[in-house]
Amino acid sequence: MLGVRIDEKLDKRLAELAKKYKRSKSYFAREALELHLEEIADYEEALERSRNPNAKYITDKELRKRLGV
């Protein structure tokens, strides 16, 4: 269980979204928090990999070639 204080503007936006999609405000708050935490984890992983002195990099041109785009 977690209690979070949000300002009136954000609460109004959240309430409108909840009403539009017939979901609870908690549902959208939980989804947003989960997504944000995943983004932070991805960022931290990318940062850690970028600090690896043995990392090998390719150009965007090479990436496109490998992907066939």
PDB file of N, CA and C in Angstrom:
ATOM      1  N   MET A   1       0.848  -1.172   0.000  1.00  0.00           N
ATOM      2  CA  MET A   1       0.000   0.000   0.000  1.00  0.00           C
ATOM      3  C   MET A   1       0.893   1.234   0.000  1.00  0.00           C
ATOM      4  N   LEU A   2       0.493   2.216  -0.772  1.00  0.00           N
ATOM      5  CA  LEU A   2       1.269   3.443  -0.892  1.00  0.00           C
ATOM      6  C   LEU A   2       0.315   4.611  -1.025  1.00  0.00           C
ATOM      7  N   GLY A   3       0.549   5.633  -0.261  1.00  0.00           N
ATOM      8  CA  GLY A   3      -0.243   6.858  -0.390  1.00  0.00           C
ATOM      9  C   GLY A   3       0.613   7.915  -1.063  1.00  0.00           C
ATOM     10  N   VAL A   4       0.039   8.616  -2.028  1.00  0.00           N
ATOM     11  CA  VAL A   4       0.787   9.627  -2.761  1.00  0.00           C
ATOM     12  C   VAL A   4      -0.049  10.896  -2.832  1.00  0.00           C
ATOM     13  N   ARG A   5       0.561  12.024  -2.566  1.00  0.00           N
ATOM     14  CA  ARG A   5      -0.126  13.305  -2.693  1.00  0.00           C
ATOM     15  C   ARG A   5       0.189  13.878  -4.071  1.00  0.00           C
ATOM     16  N   ILE A   6      -0.855  14.272  -4.777  1.00  0.00           N
ATOM     17  CA  ILE A   6      -0.675  14.902  -6.078  1.00  0.00           C
ATOM     18  C   ILE A   6      -1.466  16.201  -6.100  1.00  0.00           C
ATOM     19  N   ASP A   7      -1.042  17.125  -6.953  1.00  0.00           N
ATOM     20  CA  ASP A   7      -1.749  18.403  -7.009  1.00  0.00           C
ATOM     21  C   ASP A   7      -3.102  18.247  -7.710  1.00  0.00           C
ATOM     22  N   GLU A   8      -3.921  19.262  -7.598  1.00  0.00           N
ATOM     23  CA  GLU A   8      -5.282  19.207  -8.136  1.00  0.00           C
ATOM     24  C   GLU A   8      -5.305  19.012  -9.650  1.00  0.00           C
ATOM     25  N   LYS A   9      -4.388  19.654 -10.344  1.00  0.00           N
ATOM     26  CA  LYS A   9      -4.338  19.553 -11.800  1.00  0.00           C
ATOM     27  C   LYS A   9      -4.073  18.117 -12.241  1.00  0.00           C
ATOM     28  N   LEU A  10      -3.101  17.485 -11.609  1.00  0.00           N
ATOM     29  CA  LEU A  10      -2.780  16.101 -11.949  1.00  0.00           C
ATOM     30  C   LEU A  10      -3.914  15.167 -11.554  1.00  0.00           C
ATOM     31  N   ASP A  11      -4.526  15.433 -10.398  1.00  0.00           N
ATOM     32  CA  ASP A  11      -5.655  14.607  -9.956  1.00  0.00           C
ATOM     33  C   ASP A  11      -6.816  14.713 -10.941  1.00  0.00           C
ATOM     34  N   LYS A  12      -7.049  15.906 -11.454  1.00  0.00           N
ATOM     35  CA  LYS A  12      -8.136  16.096 -12.419  1.00  0.00           C
ATOM     36  C   LYS A  12      -7.844  15.315 -13.705  1.00  0.00           C
ATOM     37  N   ARG A  13      -6.617  15.409 -14.189  1.00  0.00           N
ATOM     38  CA  ARG A  13      -6.239  14.670 -15.398  1.00  0.00           C
ATOM     39  C   ARG A  13      -6.389  13.171 -15.190  1.00  0.00           C
ATOM     40  N   LEU A  14      -5.961  12.706 -14.034  1.00  0.00           N
ATOM     41  CA  LEU A  14      -6.056  11.288 -13.709  1.00  0.00           C
ATOM     42  C   LEU A  14      -7.511  10.847 -13.624  1.00  0.00           C
ATOM     43  N   ALA A  15      -8.343  11.647 -13.000  1.00  0.00           N
ATOM     44  CA  ALA A  15      -9.764  11.323 -12.871  1.00  0.00           C
ATOM     45  C   ALA A  15     -10.446  11.277 -14.244  1.00  0.00           C
ATOM     46  N   GLU A  16     -10.102  12.224 -15.120  1.00  0.00           N
ATOM     47  CA  GLU A  16     -10.674  12.229 -16.467  1.00  0.00           C
ATOM     48  C   GLU A  16     -10.272  10.985 -17.250  1.00  0.00           C
ATOM     49  N   LEU A  17      -9.014  10.603 -17.131  1.00  0.00           N
ATOM     50  CA  LEU A  17      -8.526   9.401 -17.804  1.00  0.00           C
ATOM     51  C   LEU A  17      -9.227   8.156 -17.275  1.00  0.00           C
ATOM     52  N   ALA A  18      -9.354   8.080 -15.960  1.00  0.00           N
ATOM     53  CA  ALA A  18     -10.021   6.939 -15.330  1.00  0.00           C
ATOM     54  C   ALA A  18     -11.473   6.827 -15.796  1.00  0.00           C
ATOM     55  N   LYS A  19     -12.153   7.953 -15.854  1.00  0.00           N
ATOM     56  CA  LYS A  19     -13.552   7.960 -16.290  1.00  0.00           C
ATOM     57  C   LYS A  19     -13.662   7.552 -17.758  1.00  0.00           C
ATOM     58  N   LYS A  20     -12.798   8.115 -18.592  1.00  0.00           N
ATOM     59  CA  LYS A  20     -12.835   7.832 -20.029  1.00  0.00           C
ATOM     60  C   LYS A  20     -12.659   6.354 -20.319  1.00  0.00           C
ATOM     61  N   TYR A  21     -11.725   5.718 -19.626  1.00  0.00           N
ATOM     62  CA  TYR A  21     -11.412   4.313 -19.895  1.00  0.00           C
ATOM     63  C   TYR A  21     -12.039   3.348 -18.899  1.00  0.00           C
ATOM     64  N   LYS A  22     -12.875   3.881 -18.015  1.00  0.00           N
ATOM     65  CA  LYS A  22     -13.582   3.064 -17.026  1.00  0.00           C
ATOM     66  C   LYS A  22     -12.622   2.192 -16.207  1.00  0.00           C
ATOM     67  N   ARG A  23     -11.589   2.842 -15.743  1.00  0.00           N
ATOM     68  CA  ARG A  23     -10.599   2.210 -14.874  1.00  0.00           C
ATOM     69  C   ARG A  23     -10.448   3.086 -13.637  1.00  0.00           C
ATOM     70  N   SER A  24      -9.845   2.551 -12.621  1.00  0.00           N
ATOM     71  CA  SER A  24      -9.633   3.349 -11.408  1.00  0.00           C
ATOM     72  C   SER A  24      -8.417   4.261 -11.573  1.00  0.00           C
ATOM     73  N   LYS A  25      -8.392   5.303 -10.753  1.00  0.00           N
ATOM     74  CA  LYS A  25      -7.221   6.182 -10.753  1.00  0.00           C
ATOM     75  C   LYS A  25      -6.003   5.390 -10.298  1.00  0.00           C
ATOM     76  N   SER A  26      -6.214   4.476  -9.372  1.00  0.00           N
ATOM     77  CA  SER A  26      -5.103   3.643  -8.887  1.00  0.00           C
ATOM     78  C   SER A  26      -4.507   2.810 -10.009  1.00  0.00           C
ATOM     79  N   TYR A  27      -5.353   2.322 -10.897  1.00  0.00           N
ATOM     80  CA  TYR A  27      -4.863   1.524 -12.027  1.00  0.00           C
ATOM     81  C   TYR A  27      -3.877   2.341 -12.861  1.00  0.00           C
ATOM     82  N   PHE A  28      -4.268   3.561 -13.216  1.00  0.00           N
ATOM     83  CA  PHE A  28      -3.392   4.380 -14.053  1.00  0.00           C
ATOM     84  C   PHE A  28      -2.148   4.839 -13.307  1.00  0.00           C
ATOM     85  N   ALA A  29      -2.276   5.130 -12.033  1.00  0.00           N
ATOM     86  CA  ALA A  29      -1.115   5.520 -11.234  1.00  0.00           C
ATOM     87  C   ALA A  29      -0.126   4.358 -11.153  1.00  0.00           C
ATOM     88  N   ARG A  30      -0.645   3.160 -10.946  1.00  0.00           N
ATOM     89  CA  ARG A  30       0.206   1.968 -10.867  1.00  0.00           C
ATOM     90  C   ARG A  30       0.907   1.715 -12.196  1.00  0.00           C
ATOM     91  N   GLU A  31       0.147   1.808 -13.303  1.00  0.00           N
ATOM     92  CA  GLU A  31       0.726   1.600 -14.631  1.00  0.00           C
ATOM     93  C   GLU A  31       1.822   2.632 -14.930  1.00  0.00           C
ATOM     94  N   ALA A  32       1.565   3.883 -14.587  1.00  0.00           N
ATOM     95  CA  ALA A  32       2.537   4.943 -14.830  1.00  0.00           C
ATOM     96  C   ALA A  32       3.800   4.715 -14.009  1.00  0.00           C
ATOM     97  N   LEU A  33       3.638   4.325 -12.768  1.00  0.00           N
ATOM     98  CA  LEU A  33       4.782   4.071 -11.900  1.00  0.00           C
ATOM     99  C   LEU A  33       5.598   2.887 -12.415  1.00  0.00           C
ATOM    100  N   GLU A  34       4.927   1.838 -12.821  1.00  0.00           N
ATOM    101  CA  GLU A  34       5.614   0.663 -13.353  1.00  0.00           C
ATOM    102  C   GLU A  34       6.415   1.015 -14.602  1.00  0.00           C
ATOM    103  N   LEU A  35       5.799   1.759 -15.502  1.00  0.00           N
ATOM    104  CA  LEU A  35       6.480   2.163 -16.729  1.00  0.00           C
ATOM    105  C   LEU A  35       7.697   3.031 -16.419  1.00  0.00           C
ATOM    106  N   HIS A  36       7.540   3.959 -15.514  1.00  0.00           N
ATOM    107  CA  HIS A  36       8.649   4.846 -15.158  1.00  0.00           C
ATOM    108  C   HIS A  36       9.804   4.062 -14.521  1.00  0.00           C
ATOM    109  N   LEU A  37       9.479   3.125 -13.654  1.00  0.00           N
ATOM    110  CA  LEU A  37      10.528   2.315 -13.022  1.00  0.00           C
ATOM    111  C   LEU A  37      11.266   1.459 -14.054  1.00  0.00           C
ATOM    112  N   GLU A  38      10.557   0.957 -15.055  1.00  0.00           N
ATOM    113  CA  GLU A  38      11.197   0.197 -16.129  1.00  0.00           C
ATOM    114  C   GLU A  38      12.127   1.088 -16.937  1.00  0.00           C
ATOM    115  N   GLU A  39      11.708   2.328 -17.187  1.00  0.00           N
ATOM    116  CA  GLU A  39      12.550   3.265 -17.928  1.00  0.00           C
ATOM    117  C   GLU A  39      13.813   3.586 -17.153  1.00  0.00           C
ATOM    118  N   ILE A  40      13.694   3.748 -15.856  1.00  0.00           N
ATOM    119  CA  ILE A  40      14.870   4.010 -15.017  1.00  0.00           C
ATOM    120  C   ILE A  40      15.820   2.820 -15.071  1.00  0.00           C
ATOM    121  N   ALA A  41      15.301   1.606 -14.976  1.00  0.00           N
ATOM    122  CA  ALA A  41      16.135   0.401 -15.030  1.00  0.00           C
ATOM    123  C   ALA A  41      16.836   0.303 -16.381  1.00  0.00           C
ATOM    124  N   ASP A  42      16.119   0.599 -17.472  1.00  0.00           N
ATOM    125  CA  ASP A  42      16.732   0.581 -18.807  1.00  0.00           C
ATOM    126  C   ASP A  42      17.845   1.614 -18.909  1.00  0.00           C
ATOM    127  N   TYR A  43      17.606   2.807 -18.377  1.00  0.00           N
ATOM    128  CA  TYR A  43      18.610   3.864 -18.402  1.00  0.00           C
ATOM    129  C   TYR A  43      19.855   3.440 -17.631  1.00  0.00           C
ATOM    130  N   GLU A  44      19.658   2.876 -16.435  1.00  0.00           N
ATOM    131  CA  GLU A  44      20.788   2.449 -15.622  1.00  0.00           C
ATOM    132  C   GLU A  44      21.592   1.356 -16.315  1.00  0.00           C
ATOM    133  N   GLU A  45      20.901   0.428 -16.979  1.00  0.00           N
ATOM    134  CA  GLU A  45      21.590  -0.631 -17.711  1.00  0.00           C
ATOM    135  C   GLU A  45      22.395  -0.054 -18.870  1.00  0.00           C
ATOM    136  N   ALA A  46      21.810   0.873 -19.601  1.00  0.00           N
ATOM    137  CA  ALA A  46      22.505   1.504 -20.721  1.00  0.00           C
ATOM    138  C   ALA A  46      23.726   2.281 -20.228  1.00  0.00           C
ATOM    139  N   LEU A  47      23.579   2.974 -19.126  1.00  0.00           N
ATOM    140  CA  LEU A  47      24.681   3.729 -18.558  1.00  0.00           C
ATOM    141  C   LEU A  47      25.817   2.800 -18.135  1.00  0.00           C
ATOM    142  N   GLU A  48      25.449   1.694 -17.494  1.00  0.00           N
ATOM    143  CA  GLU A  48      26.445   0.715 -17.058  1.00  0.00           C
ATOM    144  C   GLU A  48      27.186   0.133 -18.261  1.00  0.00           C
ATOM    145  N   ARG A  49      26.436  -0.205 -19.306  1.00  0.00           N
ATOM    146  CA  ARG A  49      27.069  -0.757 -20.506  1.00  0.00           C
ATOM    147  C   ARG A  49      27.976   0.260 -21.177  1.00  0.00           C
ATOM    148  N   SER A  50      27.583   1.539 -21.158  1.00  0.00           N
ATOM    149  CA  SER A  50      28.395   2.571 -21.811  1.00  0.00           C
ATOM    150  C   SER A  50      29.716   2.790 -21.101  1.00  0.00           C
ATOM    151  N   ARG A  51      29.782   2.399 -19.847  1.00  0.00           N
ATOM    152  CA  ARG A  51      31.020   2.572 -19.066  1.00  0.00           C
ATOM    153  C   ARG A  51      31.969   1.383 -19.194  1.00  0.00           C
ATOM    154  N   ASN A  52      31.552   0.353 -19.926  1.00  0.00           N
ATOM    155  CA  ASN A  52      32.377  -0.834 -20.109  1.00  0.00           C
ATOM    156  C   ASN A  52      33.493  -0.516 -21.095  1.00  0.00           C
ATOM    157  N   PRO A  53      34.750  -0.558 -20.658  1.00  0.00           N
ATOM    158  CA  PRO A  53      35.859  -0.212 -21.556  1.00  0.00           C
ATOM    159  C   PRO A  53      36.050  -1.227 -22.685  1.00  0.00           C
ATOM    160  N   ASN A  54      35.484  -2.404 -22.546  1.00  0.00           N
ATOM    161  CA  ASN A  54      35.623  -3.439 -23.577  1.00  0.00           C
ATOM    162  C   ASN A  54      34.420  -3.499 -24.513  1.00  0.00           C
ATOM    163  N   ALA A  55      33.513  -2.564 -24.353  1.00  0.00           N
ATOM    164  CA  ALA A  55      32.301  -2.563 -25.173  1.00  0.00           C
ATOM    165  C   ALA A  55      32.643  -2.277 -26.633  1.00  0.00           C
ATOM    166  N   LYS A  56      31.890  -2.913 -27.512  1.00  0.00           N
ATOM    167  CA  LYS A  56      32.075  -2.690 -28.933  1.00  0.00           C
ATOM    168  C   LYS A  56      30.843  -1.948 -29.440  1.00  0.00           C
ATOM    169  N   TYR A  57      31.076  -0.941 -30.251  1.00  0.00           N
ATOM    170  CA  TYR A  57      29.992  -0.104 -30.758  1.00  0.00           C
ATOM    171  C   TYR A  57      29.962  -0.174 -32.277  1.00  0.00           C
ATOM    172  N   ILE A  58      28.771   0.060 -32.816  1.00  0.00           N
ATOM    173  CA  ILE A  58      28.627   0.149 -34.264  1.00  0.00           C
ATOM    174  C   ILE A  58      27.913   1.463 -34.585  1.00  0.00           C
ATOM    175  N   THR A  59      28.073   1.914 -35.797  1.00  0.00           N
ATOM    176  CA  THR A  59      27.419   3.146 -36.211  1.00  0.00           C
ATOM    177  C   THR A  59      25.945   2.874 -36.514  1.00  0.00           C
ATOM    178  N   ASP A  60      25.170   3.952 -36.590  1.00  0.00           N
ATOM    179  CA  ASP A  60      23.764   3.792 -36.953  1.00  0.00           C
ATOM    180  C   ASP A  60      23.639   3.234 -38.364  1.00  0.00           C
ATOM    181  N   LYS A  61      24.584   3.582 -39.228  1.00  0.00           N
ATOM    182  CA  LYS A  61      24.579   3.064 -40.599  1.00  0.00           C
ATOM    183  C   LYS A  61      24.764   1.542 -40.593  1.00  0.00           C
ATOM    184  N   GLU A  62      25.684   1.057 -39.779  1.00  0.00           N
ATOM    185  CA  GLU A  62      25.919  -0.379 -39.675  1.00  0.00           C
ATOM    186  C   GLU A  62      24.709  -1.082 -39.070  1.00  0.00           C
ATOM    187  N   LEU A  63      24.076  -0.462 -38.089  1.00  0.00           N
ATOM    188  CA  LEU A  63      22.884  -1.044 -37.476  1.00  0.00           C
ATOM    189  C   LEU A  63      21.767  -1.201 -38.507  1.00  0.00           C
ATOM    190  N   ARG A  64      21.543  -0.143 -39.286  1.00  0.00           N
ATOM    191  CA  ARG A  64      20.518  -0.221 -40.338  1.00  0.00           C
ATOM    192  C   ARG A  64      20.827  -1.334 -41.329  1.00  0.00           C
ATOM    193  N   LYS A  65      22.094  -1.454 -41.672  1.00  0.00           N
ATOM    194  CA  LYS A  65      22.507  -2.499 -42.618  1.00  0.00           C
ATOM    195  C   LYS A  65      22.203  -3.875 -42.039  1.00  0.00           C
ATOM    196  N   ARG A  66      22.535  -4.077 -40.771  1.00  0.00           N
ATOM    197  CA  ARG A  66      22.288  -5.365 -40.133  1.00  0.00           C
ATOM    198  C   ARG A  66      20.799  -5.671 -40.020  1.00  0.00           C
ATOM    199  N   LEU A  67      20.003  -4.614 -39.825  1.00  0.00           N
ATOM    200  CA  LEU A  67      18.560  -4.796 -39.692  1.00  0.00           C
ATOM    201  C   LEU A  67      17.846  -4.832 -41.042  1.00  0.00           C
ATOM    202  N   GLY A  68      18.575  -4.473 -42.084  1.00  0.00           N
ATOM    203  CA  GLY A  68      17.992  -4.478 -43.421  1.00  0.00           C
ATOM    204  C   GLY A  68      17.005  -3.356 -43.664  1.00  0.00           C
ATOM    205  N   VAL A  69      17.254  -2.226 -43.036  1.00  0.00           N
ATOM    206  CA  VAL A  69      16.375  -1.063 -43.255  1.00  0.00           C
ATOM    207  C   VAL A  69      17.121   0.099 -43.864  1.00  0.00           C
TER     208      VAL A  69
END
